[in-house]
């Protein structure tokens, strides 16, 4: 899988990248991490493709 990153900038000129869960999974795998779960916010709401924030719980294997 080739990572297709979309780079955005905020009003202050700070740039950031958006990653899909598949891209994050690939990156974490290369770092020896396994994703256990992902959430959209601190309340534990399940993540979806419509959520811009993604919190990932992972463990080192």
N, C-alpha and C. Protein backbone atom coordinates (compact mmCIF):
# COMPACT_ATOMS: atom_id res chain seq x y z
N UNK A 1 0.84 -1.17 0.00
CA UNK A 1 0.00 0.00 0.00
C UNK A 1 0.89 1.24 0.00
N UNK A 2 0.65 2.13 -0.91
CA UNK A 2 1.37 3.40 -0.95
C UNK A 2 0.57 4.41 -0.14
N UNK A 3 1.27 5.11 0.77
CA UNK A 3 0.58 6.08 1.60
C UNK A 3 0.20 7.30 0.78
N UNK A 4 -1.07 7.63 0.82
CA UNK A 4 -1.58 8.79 0.09
C UNK A 4 -1.99 9.83 1.14
N UNK A 5 -1.06 10.72 1.48
CA UNK A 5 -1.30 11.68 2.55
C UNK A 5 -1.81 12.99 1.99
N UNK A 6 -2.81 13.54 2.65
CA UNK A 6 -3.34 14.85 2.28
C UNK A 6 -2.80 15.85 3.29
N UNK A 7 -2.04 16.84 2.83
CA UNK A 7 -1.47 17.83 3.73
C UNK A 7 -2.34 19.08 3.73
N UNK A 8 -2.67 19.54 4.92
CA UNK A 8 -3.49 20.72 5.10
C UNK A 8 -2.73 21.73 5.95
N UNK A 9 -3.16 22.97 5.93
CA UNK A 9 -2.57 24.01 6.77
C UNK A 9 -3.67 24.76 7.50
N UNK A 10 -3.37 25.16 8.74
CA UNK A 10 -4.33 25.97 9.47
C UNK A 10 -4.08 27.45 9.18
N UNK A 11 -4.85 28.33 9.80
CA UNK A 11 -4.74 29.77 9.53
C UNK A 11 -3.37 30.32 9.91
N UNK A 12 -2.70 29.70 10.87
CA UNK A 12 -1.38 30.16 11.29
C UNK A 12 -0.25 29.63 10.43
N UNK A 13 -0.58 28.83 9.42
CA UNK A 13 0.44 28.29 8.53
C UNK A 13 1.03 26.97 8.98
N UNK A 14 0.54 26.43 10.11
CA UNK A 14 1.02 25.13 10.57
C UNK A 14 0.37 24.04 9.72
N UNK A 15 1.19 23.14 9.21
CA UNK A 15 0.64 22.08 8.37
C UNK A 15 0.49 20.79 9.16
N UNK A 16 -0.42 19.95 8.72
CA UNK A 16 -0.64 18.65 9.34
C UNK A 16 -1.09 17.69 8.26
N UNK A 17 -0.97 16.40 8.55
CA UNK A 17 -1.31 15.35 7.59
C UNK A 17 -2.52 14.58 8.09
N UNK A 18 -3.37 14.16 7.16
CA UNK A 18 -4.50 13.30 7.49
C UNK A 18 -4.18 11.89 7.03
N UNK A 19 -4.36 10.92 7.93
CA UNK A 19 -4.12 9.52 7.62
C UNK A 19 -5.40 8.73 7.82
N UNK A 20 -5.62 7.73 6.99
CA UNK A 20 -6.73 6.80 7.19
C UNK A 20 -6.30 5.78 8.24
N UNK A 21 -7.25 5.04 8.78
CA UNK A 21 -6.93 4.00 9.75
C UNK A 21 -6.05 2.93 9.10
N UNK A 22 -6.27 2.62 7.82
CA UNK A 22 -5.43 1.65 7.12
C UNK A 22 -3.98 2.13 7.05
N UNK A 23 -3.78 3.42 6.78
CA UNK A 23 -2.43 3.97 6.71
C UNK A 23 -1.76 3.95 8.08
N UNK A 24 -2.51 4.31 9.12
CA UNK A 24 -1.97 4.27 10.48
C UNK A 24 -1.61 2.84 10.86
N UNK A 25 -2.46 1.89 10.50
CA UNK A 25 -2.19 0.48 10.79
C UNK A 25 -0.89 0.04 10.13
N UNK A 26 -0.68 0.42 8.88
CA UNK A 26 0.56 0.07 8.17
C UNK A 26 1.78 0.70 8.84
N UNK A 27 1.69 1.96 9.20
CA UNK A 27 2.80 2.65 9.86
C UNK A 27 3.11 2.00 11.20
N UNK A 28 2.09 1.75 12.00
CA UNK A 28 2.29 1.14 13.31
C UNK A 28 2.88 -0.26 13.17
N UNK A 29 2.43 -1.03 12.19
CA UNK A 29 2.94 -2.38 11.96
C UNK A 29 4.44 -2.35 11.71
N UNK A 30 4.89 -1.39 10.90
CA UNK A 30 6.32 -1.25 10.62
C UNK A 30 7.11 -0.87 11.86
N UNK A 31 6.44 -0.28 12.85
CA UNK A 31 7.08 0.09 14.11
C UNK A 31 6.95 -1.01 15.17
N UNK A 32 6.35 -2.14 14.78
CA UNK A 32 6.18 -3.25 15.72
C UNK A 32 5.01 -3.09 16.66
N UNK A 33 4.02 -2.29 16.26
CA UNK A 33 2.85 -2.04 17.09
C UNK A 33 1.61 -2.64 16.44
N UNK A 34 0.71 -3.16 17.28
CA UNK A 34 -0.56 -3.69 16.78
C UNK A 34 -1.69 -2.83 17.33
N UNK A 35 -2.55 -2.34 16.46
CA UNK A 35 -3.69 -1.53 16.88
C UNK A 35 -4.75 -2.44 17.48
N UNK A 36 -5.15 -2.12 18.70
CA UNK A 36 -6.19 -2.89 19.39
C UNK A 36 -7.58 -2.30 19.18
N UNK A 37 -7.63 -0.96 19.14
CA UNK A 37 -8.93 -0.30 18.99
C UNK A 37 -8.70 1.15 18.58
N UNK A 38 -9.73 1.78 18.07
CA UNK A 38 -9.65 3.20 17.72
C UNK A 38 -10.94 3.88 18.14
N UNK A 39 -10.81 5.16 18.50
CA UNK A 39 -11.94 5.93 19.00
C UNK A 39 -11.96 7.30 18.33
N UNK A 40 -13.13 7.92 18.31
CA UNK A 40 -13.28 9.25 17.72
C UNK A 40 -13.05 10.36 18.75
N UNK A 41 -13.21 10.04 20.05
CA UNK A 41 -13.01 11.05 21.09
C UNK A 41 -12.75 10.37 22.43
N UNK A 42 -12.53 11.19 23.45
CA UNK A 42 -12.19 10.66 24.77
C UNK A 42 -13.34 9.95 25.45
N UNK A 43 -14.56 10.12 24.98
CA UNK A 43 -15.70 9.44 25.59
C UNK A 43 -15.80 7.98 25.15
N UNK A 44 -14.99 7.58 24.18
CA UNK A 44 -15.02 6.21 23.70
C UNK A 44 -15.91 5.99 22.50
N UNK A 45 -16.37 7.08 21.89
CA UNK A 45 -17.21 6.97 20.69
C UNK A 45 -16.43 6.22 19.60
N UNK A 46 -17.03 5.20 19.00
CA UNK A 46 -16.33 4.48 17.92
C UNK A 46 -15.98 5.42 16.76
N UNK A 47 -14.83 5.20 16.16
CA UNK A 47 -14.40 6.06 15.05
C UNK A 47 -15.09 5.65 13.76
N UNK A 48 -15.23 6.62 12.88
CA UNK A 48 -15.79 6.37 11.56
C UNK A 48 -15.02 7.20 10.54
N UNK A 49 -15.31 7.00 9.27
CA UNK A 49 -14.64 7.75 8.21
C UNK A 49 -14.99 9.23 8.25
N UNK A 50 -16.05 9.60 8.95
CA UNK A 50 -16.49 10.99 9.01
C UNK A 50 -15.83 11.78 10.14
N UNK A 51 -15.09 11.11 11.02
CA UNK A 51 -14.44 11.78 12.14
C UNK A 51 -13.03 12.20 11.75
N UNK A 52 -12.68 13.46 12.01
CA UNK A 52 -11.35 13.94 11.66
C UNK A 52 -10.32 13.55 12.73
N UNK A 53 -10.79 13.38 13.97
CA UNK A 53 -9.89 12.99 15.05
C UNK A 53 -9.94 11.48 15.22
N UNK A 54 -8.79 10.87 15.39
CA UNK A 54 -8.72 9.42 15.59
C UNK A 54 -7.74 9.13 16.70
N UNK A 55 -8.21 8.50 17.75
CA UNK A 55 -7.34 8.07 18.84
C UNK A 55 -7.17 6.56 18.71
N UNK A 56 -5.93 6.12 18.79
CA UNK A 56 -5.62 4.71 18.55
C UNK A 56 -4.99 4.11 19.79
N UNK A 57 -5.49 2.95 20.20
CA UNK A 57 -4.91 2.19 21.30
C UNK A 57 -4.12 1.05 20.67
N UNK A 58 -2.83 0.97 20.98
CA UNK A 58 -1.99 -0.06 20.37
C UNK A 58 -1.06 -0.66 21.42
N UNK A 59 -0.52 -1.84 21.10
CA UNK A 59 0.47 -2.50 21.96
C UNK A 59 1.66 -2.91 21.10
N UNK A 60 2.83 -2.99 21.76
CA UNK A 60 4.03 -3.43 21.06
C UNK A 60 4.06 -4.95 21.06
N UNK A 61 4.32 -5.53 19.91
CA UNK A 61 4.37 -6.99 19.81
C UNK A 61 5.80 -7.47 19.74
